[in-house]
C-alpha cells in the first residue's frame, strides 16, 4: 500500500529547498531521547549510542544503505546482527500489516537510493525516508526508532539541524495517507525554518 501512496505524493513540489546550513542551539533529537529515558533507560542508551553513529556517518558523507540501517537497528535492539525481516510484520497493535514478497527488500533498497536525489528538497527526502522505514518495516523490531534516526541522518547530511523533533516523532502516521505524508514534509520543513529563526 505505501508504495502506491508514495508515488502519489509530489515530493519535489511540497516545500522549497531550505537555505543551508541550518544550525540549532540544541540537539533536538538527543533532547527528545533524554526526555523519554525514564520509561526505559537501557533502550534510551542504545538509541543515543546509535545516534552517535548516525552523526559520525553523516559527517563522513556516508550514503543511506541497507547495511548502515541494519547496523543501527542491531544497536537499537542490542543484538549482534540484524537482517531484513523474513516474514510479514504488524504494527500499531495489529492495525497495520506489512506483507513480504519476493521483491520487498529490493523495492526498499530502491527507495533508499532515492534519498540521494538532489532535485528533491532535503526536508522532503528526510520525511520520505522516515516513512519508508516506518512502512516497509524492514526489521523485526525497532523500526519506529530507526525511522527517527534515518530522518536525523538525512537532515544532517543535508546540513539541517532541528532543535525540536517531538512533533515529528510522537504523531502516529498511516501508510494509506498521502496527505499525511505531505503534511509531514511541511512539518519537518517548518521546524527547520523555526530552528533557523531561533538561532539567528
N, C-alpha and C. Protein backbone atom coordinates (compact mmCIF):
# COMPACT_ATOMS: atom_id res chain seq x y z
N UNK A 1 0.82 -1.20 0.00
CA UNK A 1 0.00 0.00 0.00
C UNK A 1 0.87 1.27 0.00
N UNK A 2 1.90 1.31 0.87
CA UNK A 2 2.71 2.50 0.98
C UNK A 2 3.34 2.89 -0.34
N UNK A 3 3.80 1.91 -1.12
CA UNK A 3 4.44 2.29 -2.38
C UNK A 3 3.48 2.97 -3.33
N UNK A 4 2.23 2.51 -3.36
CA UNK A 4 1.25 3.19 -4.21
C UNK A 4 0.99 4.61 -3.73
N UNK A 5 0.86 4.77 -2.42
CA UNK A 5 0.64 6.10 -1.84
C UNK A 5 1.86 6.99 -2.10
N UNK A 6 3.03 6.43 -1.89
CA UNK A 6 4.30 7.16 -2.06
C UNK A 6 4.41 7.78 -3.44
N UNK A 7 3.94 7.07 -4.46
CA UNK A 7 4.03 7.55 -5.83
C UNK A 7 3.08 8.70 -6.11
N UNK A 8 2.07 8.89 -5.27
CA UNK A 8 1.11 9.97 -5.48
C UNK A 8 1.53 11.27 -4.81
N UNK A 9 2.56 11.22 -3.97
CA UNK A 9 2.98 12.41 -3.23
C UNK A 9 3.98 13.20 -4.08
N UNK A 10 3.71 14.49 -4.33
CA UNK A 10 4.62 15.30 -5.15
C UNK A 10 5.81 15.81 -4.32
N UNK A 11 6.71 14.93 -3.98
CA UNK A 11 7.79 15.22 -3.03
C UNK A 11 8.59 16.46 -3.40
N UNK A 12 8.82 16.69 -4.68
CA UNK A 12 9.68 17.82 -5.10
C UNK A 12 8.97 19.17 -5.00
N UNK A 13 7.64 19.14 -4.88
CA UNK A 13 6.87 20.38 -5.01
C UNK A 13 6.25 20.87 -3.70
N UNK A 14 6.29 20.09 -2.65
CA UNK A 14 5.57 20.43 -1.42
C UNK A 14 6.20 21.63 -0.73
N UNK A 15 7.52 21.62 -0.64
CA UNK A 15 8.24 22.71 0.02
C UNK A 15 9.43 23.10 -0.84
N UNK A 16 9.96 24.31 -0.66
CA UNK A 16 11.16 24.70 -1.40
C UNK A 16 12.41 24.10 -0.76
N UNK A 17 13.51 24.19 -1.47
CA UNK A 17 14.79 23.80 -0.88
C UNK A 17 15.10 24.78 0.25
N UNK A 18 15.40 24.28 1.44
CA UNK A 18 15.73 25.22 2.53
C UNK A 18 17.13 25.78 2.35
N UNK A 19 17.32 27.05 2.70
CA UNK A 19 18.69 27.57 2.71
C UNK A 19 19.50 26.82 3.76
N UNK A 20 20.69 26.41 3.40
CA UNK A 20 21.53 25.66 4.35
C UNK A 20 22.85 26.41 4.52
N UNK A 21 23.52 26.19 5.64
CA UNK A 21 23.15 25.29 6.73
C UNK A 21 22.09 25.87 7.66
N UNK A 22 21.39 24.96 8.35
CA UNK A 22 20.51 25.33 9.45
C UNK A 22 21.15 24.79 10.72
N UNK A 23 21.61 25.67 11.57
CA UNK A 23 22.24 25.26 12.83
C UNK A 23 21.23 25.38 13.96
N UNK A 24 21.37 24.52 14.95
CA UNK A 24 20.46 24.54 16.10
C UNK A 24 21.23 24.87 17.37
N UNK A 25 20.59 25.60 18.25
CA UNK A 25 21.21 25.91 19.54
C UNK A 25 21.25 24.72 20.47
N UNK A 26 20.43 23.72 20.17
CA UNK A 26 20.43 22.48 20.96
C UNK A 26 20.09 21.32 20.04
N UNK A 27 20.51 20.14 20.40
CA UNK A 27 20.25 18.93 19.62
C UNK A 27 18.86 18.42 19.98
N UNK A 28 17.89 18.70 19.12
CA UNK A 28 16.52 18.33 19.41
C UNK A 28 16.31 16.84 19.54
N UNK A 29 17.05 16.05 18.75
CA UNK A 29 16.87 14.60 18.81
C UNK A 29 17.36 14.05 20.14
N UNK A 30 18.59 14.40 20.52
CA UNK A 30 19.14 13.91 21.79
C UNK A 30 18.29 14.39 22.96
N UNK A 31 17.81 15.61 22.88
CA UNK A 31 16.97 16.16 23.95
C UNK A 31 15.67 15.35 24.07
N UNK A 32 15.08 14.98 22.94
CA UNK A 32 13.86 14.19 22.94
C UNK A 32 14.11 12.82 23.59
N UNK A 33 15.20 12.17 23.20
CA UNK A 33 15.51 10.85 23.75
C UNK A 33 15.73 10.92 25.26
N UNK A 34 16.51 11.91 25.70
CA UNK A 34 16.76 12.03 27.14
C UNK A 34 15.49 12.34 27.91
N UNK A 35 14.57 13.06 27.28
CA UNK A 35 13.31 13.39 27.93
C UNK A 35 12.40 12.20 28.11
N UNK A 36 12.60 11.16 27.30
CA UNK A 36 11.78 9.95 27.43
C UNK A 36 12.54 8.80 28.07
N UNK A 37 13.76 9.04 28.52
CA UNK A 37 14.64 7.97 29.02
C UNK A 37 14.09 7.30 30.27
N UNK A 38 13.30 8.00 31.06
CA UNK A 38 12.80 7.41 32.30
C UNK A 38 11.95 6.18 32.09
N UNK A 39 11.33 6.06 30.94
CA UNK A 39 10.49 4.89 30.66
C UNK A 39 11.31 3.62 30.49
N UNK A 40 12.50 3.76 29.90
CA UNK A 40 13.37 2.60 29.68
C UNK A 40 14.79 3.10 29.45
N UNK A 41 15.56 3.27 30.53
CA UNK A 41 16.91 3.83 30.38
C UNK A 41 17.82 3.04 29.45
N UNK A 42 17.71 1.71 29.47
CA UNK A 42 18.56 0.90 28.59
C UNK A 42 18.23 1.15 27.12
N UNK A 43 16.95 1.20 26.82
CA UNK A 43 16.53 1.47 25.45
C UNK A 43 16.99 2.86 25.00
N UNK A 44 16.85 3.84 25.89
CA UNK A 44 17.30 5.19 25.56
C UNK A 44 18.81 5.23 25.34
N UNK A 45 19.55 4.48 26.15
CA UNK A 45 21.00 4.42 25.99
C UNK A 45 21.40 3.84 24.65
N UNK A 46 20.71 2.80 24.21
CA UNK A 46 21.00 2.21 22.90
C UNK A 46 20.66 3.19 21.77
N UNK A 47 19.57 3.92 21.96
CA UNK A 47 19.18 4.90 20.94
C UNK A 47 20.21 6.02 20.83
N UNK A 48 20.71 6.48 21.96
CA UNK A 48 21.74 7.52 21.94
C UNK A 48 23.05 7.00 21.34
N UNK A 49 23.38 5.72 21.60
CA UNK A 49 24.58 5.13 21.01
C UNK A 49 24.44 5.06 19.49
N UNK A 50 23.26 4.65 19.01
CA UNK A 50 23.03 4.61 17.56
C UNK A 50 23.06 6.02 16.99
N UNK A 51 22.54 6.98 17.75
CA UNK A 51 22.54 8.37 17.30
C UNK A 51 23.96 8.89 17.13
N UNK A 52 24.87 8.50 18.00
CA UNK A 52 26.27 8.90 17.85
C UNK A 52 26.83 8.39 16.52
N UNK A 53 26.46 7.15 16.16
CA UNK A 53 26.93 6.58 14.90
C UNK A 53 26.29 7.30 13.72
N UNK A 54 25.03 7.68 13.86
CA UNK A 54 24.36 8.45 12.81
C UNK A 54 25.13 9.74 12.54
N UNK A 55 25.53 10.44 13.60
CA UNK A 55 26.27 11.69 13.44
C UNK A 55 27.61 11.44 12.75
N UNK A 56 28.30 10.38 13.14
CA UNK A 56 29.60 10.06 12.51
C UNK A 56 29.42 9.76 11.03
N UNK A 57 28.43 8.93 10.70
CA UNK A 57 28.21 8.55 9.30
C UNK A 57 27.82 9.76 8.46
N UNK A 58 26.97 10.62 9.01
CA UNK A 58 26.56 11.82 8.27
C UNK A 58 27.75 12.74 8.05
N UNK A 59 28.57 12.93 9.08
CA UNK A 59 29.74 13.80 8.95
C UNK A 59 30.74 13.23 7.95
N UNK A 60 30.80 11.91 7.84
CA UNK A 60 31.72 11.27 6.91
C UNK A 60 31.18 11.17 5.49
N UNK A 61 29.96 11.63 5.28
CA UNK A 61 29.39 11.61 3.93
C UNK A 61 28.87 10.27 3.47
N UNK A 62 28.52 9.39 4.40
CA UNK A 62 28.01 8.06 4.04
C UNK A 62 26.68 8.17 3.31
N UNK A 63 26.38 7.18 2.50
CA UNK A 63 25.08 7.09 1.84
C UNK A 63 24.14 6.24 2.70
N UNK A 64 22.87 6.48 2.53
CA UNK A 64 21.87 5.67 3.22
C UNK A 64 21.80 4.32 2.53
N UNK A 65 22.07 3.26 3.26
CA UNK A 65 22.08 1.92 2.67
C UNK A 65 21.47 0.93 3.65
N UNK A 66 21.08 -0.23 3.13
CA UNK A 66 20.51 -1.26 3.99
C UNK A 66 21.52 -1.73 5.01
N UNK A 67 22.80 -1.79 4.64
CA UNK A 67 23.83 -2.22 5.59
C UNK A 67 23.97 -1.27 6.76
N UNK A 68 23.95 0.03 6.48
CA UNK A 68 24.03 1.03 7.55
C UNK A 68 22.80 0.93 8.44
N UNK A 69 21.62 0.80 7.84
CA UNK A 69 20.39 0.68 8.63
C UNK A 69 20.41 -0.57 9.50
N UNK A 70 20.93 -1.67 8.96
CA UNK A 70 20.99 -2.90 9.72
C UNK A 70 21.90 -2.74 10.95
N UNK A 71 23.01 -2.02 10.77
CA UNK A 71 23.90 -1.79 11.91
C UNK A 71 23.21 -0.97 12.99
N UNK A 72 22.52 0.12 12.58
CA UNK A 72 21.81 0.93 13.56
C UNK A 72 20.71 0.14 14.24
N UNK A 73 20.00 -0.69 13.47
CA UNK A 73 18.93 -1.49 14.05
C UNK A 73 19.47 -2.48 15.08
N UNK A 74 20.62 -3.07 14.79
CA UNK A 74 21.23 -4.00 15.75
C UNK A 74 21.58 -3.29 17.04
N UNK A 75 22.12 -2.08 16.94
CA UNK A 75 22.44 -1.30 18.15
C UNK A 75 21.17 -1.00 18.92
N UNK A 76 20.12 -0.58 18.23
CA UNK A 76 18.85 -0.25 18.89
C UNK A 76 18.28 -1.43 19.65
N UNK A 77 18.43 -2.62 19.10
CA UNK A 77 17.85 -3.83 19.71
C UNK A 77 18.80 -4.53 20.66
N UNK A 78 20.06 -4.12 20.64
CA UNK A 78 21.03 -4.79 21.50
C UNK A 78 21.33 -6.21 21.04
N UNK A 79 21.35 -6.41 19.71
CA UNK A 79 21.65 -7.73 19.14
C UNK A 79 22.91 -7.61 18.29
N UNK A 80 23.62 -8.72 18.07
CA UNK A 80 24.87 -8.61 17.31
C UNK A 80 24.67 -8.30 15.83
N UNK A 81 23.61 -8.84 15.25
CA UNK A 81 23.38 -8.66 13.81
C UNK A 81 21.87 -8.51 13.57
N UNK A 82 21.51 -7.65 12.65
CA UNK A 82 20.11 -7.50 12.24
C UNK A 82 20.03 -7.67 10.74
N UNK A 83 19.06 -8.45 10.28
CA UNK A 83 18.85 -8.64 8.85
C UNK A 83 17.44 -8.28 8.46
N UNK A 84 17.22 -8.13 7.17
CA UNK A 84 15.88 -7.80 6.68
C UNK A 84 14.90 -8.88 7.13
N UNK A 85 13.73 -8.46 7.55
CA UNK A 85 12.76 -9.42 8.10
C UNK A 85 12.43 -10.51 7.08
N UNK A 86 12.09 -11.66 7.59
CA UNK A 86 11.83 -12.83 6.74
C UNK A 86 10.37 -13.26 6.75
N UNK A 87 9.49 -12.41 7.26
CA UNK A 87 8.07 -12.72 7.27
C UNK A 87 7.25 -11.45 7.35
N UNK A 88 5.92 -11.56 7.26
CA UNK A 88 5.06 -10.39 7.39
C UNK A 88 5.23 -9.76 8.77
N UNK A 89 4.90 -8.48 8.87
CA UNK A 89 5.03 -7.77 10.14
C UNK A 89 3.76 -6.97 10.40
N UNK A 90 3.55 -6.66 11.67
CA UNK A 90 2.40 -5.84 12.08
C UNK A 90 2.89 -4.70 12.96
N UNK A 91 2.10 -3.64 12.98
CA UNK A 91 2.40 -2.51 13.86
C UNK A 91 1.08 -1.89 14.31
N UNK A 92 1.19 -0.94 15.25
CA UNK A 92 0.02 -0.23 15.77
C UNK A 92 -1.01 -1.21 16.32
N UNK A 93 -0.53 -2.14 17.15
CA UNK A 93 -1.40 -3.15 17.76
C UNK A 93 -2.17 -3.96 16.72
N UNK A 94 -1.52 -4.25 15.62
CA UNK A 94 -2.12 -5.07 14.58
C UNK A 94 -2.97 -4.32 13.57
N UNK A 95 -3.10 -3.02 13.72
CA UNK A 95 -3.94 -2.25 12.79
C UNK A 95 -3.31 -2.11 11.41
N UNK A 96 -1.99 -2.18 11.35
CA UNK A 96 -1.32 -2.14 10.05
C UNK A 96 -0.50 -3.42 9.88
N UNK A 97 -0.57 -3.97 8.68
CA UNK A 97 0.16 -5.18 8.36
C UNK A 97 1.05 -4.91 7.17
N UNK A 98 2.28 -5.37 7.25
CA UNK A 98 3.26 -5.17 6.19
C UNK A 98 3.63 -6.53 5.62
N UNK A 99 3.20 -6.78 4.39
CA UNK A 99 3.47 -8.07 3.78
C UNK A 99 4.93 -8.23 3.38
N UNK A 100 5.25 -9.42 2.98
CA UNK A 100 6.60 -9.71 2.49
C UNK A 100 6.47 -10.46 1.18
N UNK A 101 7.08 -9.92 0.13
CA UNK A 101 7.05 -10.54 -1.19
C UNK A 101 8.49 -10.78 -1.63
N UNK A 102 8.65 -11.46 -2.72
CA UNK A 102 9.99 -11.80 -3.19
C UNK A 102 10.83 -10.56 -3.45
N UNK A 103 10.18 -9.44 -3.80
CA UNK A 103 10.95 -8.24 -4.14
C UNK A 103 10.85 -7.13 -3.10
N UNK A 104 10.32 -7.40 -1.91
CA UNK A 104 10.15 -6.35 -0.90
C UNK A 104 11.48 -5.70 -0.53
N UNK A 105 12.48 -6.52 -0.25
CA UNK A 105 13.78 -5.96 0.12
C UNK A 105 14.36 -5.13 -1.02
N UNK A 106 14.25 -5.61 -2.24
CA UNK A 106 14.76 -4.87 -3.40
C UNK A 106 14.04 -3.53 -3.55
N UNK A 107 12.72 -3.53 -3.38
CA UNK A 107 11.96 -2.28 -3.50
C UNK A 107 12.36 -1.29 -2.41
N UNK A 108 12.60 -1.80 -1.22
CA UNK A 108 13.03 -0.92 -0.13
C UNK A 108 14.40 -0.30 -0.45
N UNK A 109 15.32 -1.11 -0.93
CA UNK A 109 16.65 -0.59 -1.29
C UNK A 109 16.53 0.46 -2.40
N UNK A 110 15.64 0.24 -3.36
CA UNK A 110 15.43 1.23 -4.42
C UNK A 110 14.94 2.55 -3.85
N UNK A 111 14.06 2.47 -2.85
CA UNK A 111 13.57 3.69 -2.20
C UNK A 111 14.71 4.40 -1.47
N UNK A 112 15.59 3.64 -0.84
CA UNK A 112 16.72 4.25 -0.15
C UNK A 112 17.62 5.02 -1.13
N UNK A 113 17.77 4.50 -2.33
CA UNK A 113 18.61 5.17 -3.33
C UNK A 113 18.05 6.54 -3.69
N UNK A 114 16.73 6.69 -3.62
CA UNK A 114 16.11 7.98 -3.93
C UNK A 114 16.43 9.04 -2.89
N UNK A 115 16.92 8.62 -1.74
CA UNK A 115 17.27 9.58 -0.69
C UNK A 115 18.39 10.51 -1.11
N UNK A 116 19.13 10.13 -2.14
CA UNK A 116 20.26 10.95 -2.59
C UNK A 116 19.89 11.91 -3.72
N UNK A 117 18.62 11.96 -4.11
CA UNK A 117 18.19 12.78 -5.23
C UNK A 117 18.23 14.27 -4.89
N UNK A 118 19.19 15.03 -5.43
CA UNK A 118 19.32 16.44 -5.05
C UNK A 118 18.20 17.33 -5.58
N UNK A 119 17.40 16.84 -6.51
CA UNK A 119 16.30 17.65 -7.04
C UNK A 119 15.15 17.76 -6.04
N UNK A 120 15.11 16.86 -5.07
CA UNK A 120 14.06 16.88 -4.05
C UNK A 120 14.62 17.58 -2.82
N UNK A 121 13.90 18.57 -2.26
CA UNK A 121 14.41 19.27 -1.07
C UNK A 121 14.74 18.29 0.05
N UNK A 122 15.80 18.58 0.79
CA UNK A 122 16.28 17.65 1.81
C UNK A 122 15.22 17.40 2.88
N UNK A 123 14.40 18.39 3.19
CA UNK A 123 13.36 18.18 4.20
C UNK A 123 12.33 17.17 3.69
N UNK A 124 12.04 17.19 2.39
CA UNK A 124 11.12 16.22 1.81
C UNK A 124 11.75 14.84 1.74
N UNK A 125 13.03 14.79 1.36
CA UNK A 125 13.72 13.49 1.31
C UNK A 125 13.81 12.85 2.68
N UNK A 126 14.06 13.68 3.70
CA UNK A 126 14.15 13.15 5.06
C UNK A 126 12.81 12.59 5.52
N UNK A 127 11.73 13.32 5.25
CA UNK A 127 10.39 12.85 5.62
C UNK A 127 10.04 11.57 4.87
N UNK A 128 10.38 11.52 3.60
CA UNK A 128 10.08 10.32 2.80
C UNK A 128 10.85 9.11 3.31
N UNK A 129 12.12 9.29 3.60
CA UNK A 129 12.93 8.18 4.11
C UNK A 129 12.40 7.70 5.46
N UNK A 130 11.99 8.64 6.30
CA UNK A 130 11.37 8.29 7.59
C UNK A 130 10.16 7.39 7.36
N UNK A 131 9.29 7.77 6.44
CA UNK A 131 8.09 6.98 6.17
C UNK A 131 8.43 5.66 5.49
N UNK A 132 9.46 5.64 4.64
CA UNK A 132 9.88 4.38 4.02
C UNK A 132 10.24 3.35 5.08
N UNK A 133 11.01 3.77 6.07
CA UNK A 133 11.39 2.83 7.13
C UNK A 133 10.17 2.43 7.94
N UNK A 134 9.32 3.39 8.26
CA UNK A 134 8.13 3.08 9.05
C UNK A 134 7.21 2.09 8.34
N UNK A 135 7.03 2.25 7.03
CA UNK A 135 6.01 1.47 6.34
C UNK A 135 6.52 0.28 5.55
N UNK A 136 7.80 0.24 5.22
CA UNK A 136 8.37 -1.02 4.73
C UNK A 136 8.65 -1.94 5.91
N UNK A 137 8.91 -1.34 7.08
CA UNK A 137 9.13 -2.12 8.31
C UNK A 137 10.21 -3.18 8.06
N UNK A 138 11.43 -2.75 7.70
CA UNK A 138 12.42 -3.70 7.20
C UNK A 138 12.95 -4.71 8.22
N UNK A 139 12.86 -4.41 9.50
CA UNK A 139 13.45 -5.30 10.51
C UNK A 139 12.37 -5.84 11.45
N UNK A 140 12.73 -6.82 12.22
CA UNK A 140 11.75 -7.48 13.10
C UNK A 140 11.28 -6.58 14.23
N UNK A 141 12.09 -5.60 14.61
CA UNK A 141 11.73 -4.73 15.73
C UNK A 141 12.48 -3.40 15.59
N UNK A 142 12.04 -2.41 16.34
CA UNK A 142 12.72 -1.10 16.46
C UNK A 142 12.65 -0.26 15.20
N UNK A 143 11.69 -0.50 14.33
CA UNK A 143 11.59 0.27 13.09
C UNK A 143 11.20 1.72 13.32
N UNK A 144 10.35 1.99 14.30
CA UNK A 144 9.96 3.38 14.58
C UNK A 144 11.16 4.19 15.05
N UNK A 145 11.95 3.61 15.95
CA UNK A 145 13.16 4.29 16.42
C UNK A 145 14.15 4.47 15.27
N UNK A 146 14.27 3.46 14.44
CA UNK A 146 15.17 3.54 13.29
C UNK A 146 14.71 4.64 12.33
N UNK A 147 13.42 4.77 12.13
CA UNK A 147 12.90 5.81 11.24
C UNK A 147 13.33 7.19 11.73
N UNK A 148 13.27 7.40 13.05
CA UNK A 148 13.72 8.68 13.60
C UNK A 148 15.20 8.93 13.35
N UNK A 149 16.00 7.88 13.46
CA UNK A 149 17.44 8.02 13.19
C UNK A 149 17.69 8.33 11.71
N UNK A 150 16.92 7.70 10.85
CA UNK A 150 17.08 7.94 9.41
C UNK A 150 16.72 9.39 9.08
N UNK A 151 15.66 9.89 9.65
CA UNK A 151 15.31 11.30 9.48
C UNK A 151 16.46 12.19 9.91
N UNK A 152 17.01 11.91 11.08
CA UNK A 152 18.13 12.69 11.62
C UNK A 152 19.33 12.63 10.68
N UNK A 153 19.66 11.43 10.20
CA UNK A 153 20.79 11.25 9.30
C UNK A 153 20.60 12.07 8.02
N UNK A 154 19.42 11.96 7.43
CA UNK A 154 19.16 12.67 6.18
C UNK A 154 19.31 14.17 6.35
N UNK A 155 18.79 14.69 7.44
CA UNK A 155 18.89 16.13 7.67
C UNK A 155 20.34 16.55 7.93
N UNK A 156 21.05 15.77 8.72
CA UNK A 156 22.46 16.10 8.97
C UNK A 156 23.27 16.08 7.68
N UNK A 157 23.02 15.08 6.83
CA UNK A 157 23.72 15.02 5.54
C UNK A 157 23.43 16.27 4.72
N UNK A 158 22.20 16.79 4.86
CA UNK A 158 21.81 17.98 4.12
C UNK A 158 22.11 19.26 4.85
N UNK A 159 22.87 19.18 5.97
CA UNK A 159 23.29 20.34 6.77
C UNK A 159 22.10 21.08 7.38
N UNK A 160 21.14 20.29 7.85
CA UNK A 160 19.97 20.84 8.54
C UNK A 160 19.86 20.20 9.91
N UNK A 161 19.86 21.02 10.94
CA UNK A 161 19.64 20.54 12.30
C UNK A 161 18.31 21.06 12.80
N UNK A 162 17.67 20.28 13.65
CA UNK A 162 16.39 20.67 14.26
C UNK A 162 16.59 20.79 15.76
N UNK A 163 16.00 21.82 16.35
CA UNK A 163 16.10 21.94 17.80
C UNK A 163 14.91 21.32 18.52
N UNK A 164 13.97 20.75 17.75
CA UNK A 164 12.80 20.08 18.33
C UNK A 164 12.33 19.02 17.36
N UNK A 165 12.19 17.79 17.83
CA UNK A 165 11.68 16.72 16.96
C UNK A 165 10.43 16.05 17.52
N UNK A 166 10.01 16.44 18.71
CA UNK A 166 8.84 15.80 19.33
C UNK A 166 7.61 15.84 18.43
N UNK A 167 7.30 16.96 17.77
CA UNK A 167 6.10 16.95 16.91
C UNK A 167 6.19 15.94 15.77
N UNK A 168 7.39 15.62 15.35
CA UNK A 168 7.58 14.66 14.26
C UNK A 168 7.46 13.23 14.78
N UNK A 169 8.13 12.95 15.90
CA UNK A 169 8.27 11.57 16.37
C UNK A 169 7.12 11.08 17.23
N UNK A 170 6.21 11.94 17.64
CA UNK A 170 5.15 11.49 18.56
C UNK A 170 3.79 11.35 17.89
N UNK A 171 3.68 11.68 16.61
CA UNK A 171 2.40 11.56 15.91
C UNK A 171 2.36 10.23 15.18
N UNK A 172 1.27 9.49 15.35
CA UNK A 172 1.08 8.21 14.66
C UNK A 172 0.68 8.50 13.22
N UNK A 173 1.36 7.86 12.28
CA UNK A 173 1.08 8.08 10.86
C UNK A 173 0.58 6.80 10.21
N UNK A 174 -0.16 6.97 9.11
CA UNK A 174 -0.76 5.83 8.42
C UNK A 174 -0.16 5.64 7.04
N UNK A 175 0.02 4.40 6.65
CA UNK A 175 0.62 4.09 5.35
C UNK A 175 -0.29 4.47 4.19
N UNK A 176 -1.59 4.61 4.42
CA UNK A 176 -2.53 4.90 3.33
C UNK A 176 -2.87 6.37 3.20
N UNK A 177 -2.10 7.25 3.84
CA UNK A 177 -2.45 8.66 3.96
C UNK A 177 -1.46 9.54 3.19
N UNK A 178 -1.76 9.79 1.91
CA UNK A 178 -0.86 10.61 1.09
C UNK A 178 -0.81 12.05 1.60
N UNK A 179 -1.93 12.60 2.01
CA UNK A 179 -1.93 13.97 2.51
C UNK A 179 -1.16 14.05 3.83
N UNK A 180 -1.27 13.01 4.64
CA UNK A 180 -0.49 12.97 5.87
C UNK A 180 1.00 12.94 5.60
N UNK A 181 1.42 12.25 4.53
CA UNK A 181 2.83 12.24 4.15
C UNK A 181 3.28 13.64 3.74
N UNK A 182 2.45 14.32 2.97
CA UNK A 182 2.78 15.69 2.57
C UNK A 182 2.82 16.61 3.78
N UNK A 183 1.91 16.39 4.73
CA UNK A 183 1.91 17.20 5.96
C UNK A 183 3.19 16.99 6.76
N UNK A 184 3.71 15.75 6.75
CA UNK A 184 4.97 15.50 7.46
C UNK A 184 6.10 16.31 6.82
N UNK A 185 6.13 16.36 5.50
CA UNK A 185 7.15 17.17 4.82
C UNK A 185 7.05 18.62 5.28
N UNK A 186 5.83 19.15 5.29
CA UNK A 186 5.63 20.54 5.72
C UNK A 186 6.06 20.74 7.17
N UNK A 187 5.80 19.75 8.00
CA UNK A 187 6.17 19.86 9.41
C UNK A 187 7.69 19.89 9.57
N UNK A 188 8.39 18.96 8.92
CA UNK A 188 9.85 18.92 9.01
C UNK A 188 10.43 20.24 8.50
N UNK A 189 9.93 20.69 7.37
CA UNK A 189 10.41 21.95 6.80
C UNK A 189 10.11 23.12 7.74
N UNK A 190 8.92 23.15 8.30
CA UNK A 190 8.55 24.23 9.21
C UNK A 190 9.40 24.28 10.45
N UNK A 191 9.73 23.11 11.00
CA UNK A 191 10.60 23.08 12.19
C UNK A 191 12.00 23.53 11.83
N UNK A 192 12.47 23.17 10.63
CA UNK A 192 13.78 23.65 10.18
C UNK A 192 13.78 25.17 10.08
N UNK A 193 12.72 25.74 9.53
CA UNK A 193 12.63 27.20 9.42
C UNK A 193 12.55 27.85 10.81
N UNK A 194 11.79 27.24 11.71
CA UNK A 194 11.68 27.78 13.08
C UNK A 194 13.02 27.68 13.81
N UNK A 195 13.74 26.59 13.58
CA UNK A 195 15.07 26.44 14.19
C UNK A 195 16.00 27.54 13.70
N UNK A 196 15.95 27.82 12.41
CA UNK A 196 16.79 28.89 11.85
C UNK A 196 16.47 30.23 12.52
N UNK A 197 15.19 30.52 12.68
CA UNK A 197 14.79 31.80 13.30
C UNK A 197 15.25 31.88 14.75
N UNK A 198 15.16 30.77 15.47
CA UNK A 198 15.52 30.78 16.89
C UNK A 198 17.01 30.88 17.11
N UNK A 199 17.82 30.55 16.12
CA UNK A 199 19.27 30.57 16.31
C UNK A 199 19.93 31.75 15.60
N UNK A 200 19.18 32.65 15.06
CA UNK A 200 19.76 33.84 14.41
C UNK A 200 20.42 34.75 15.44
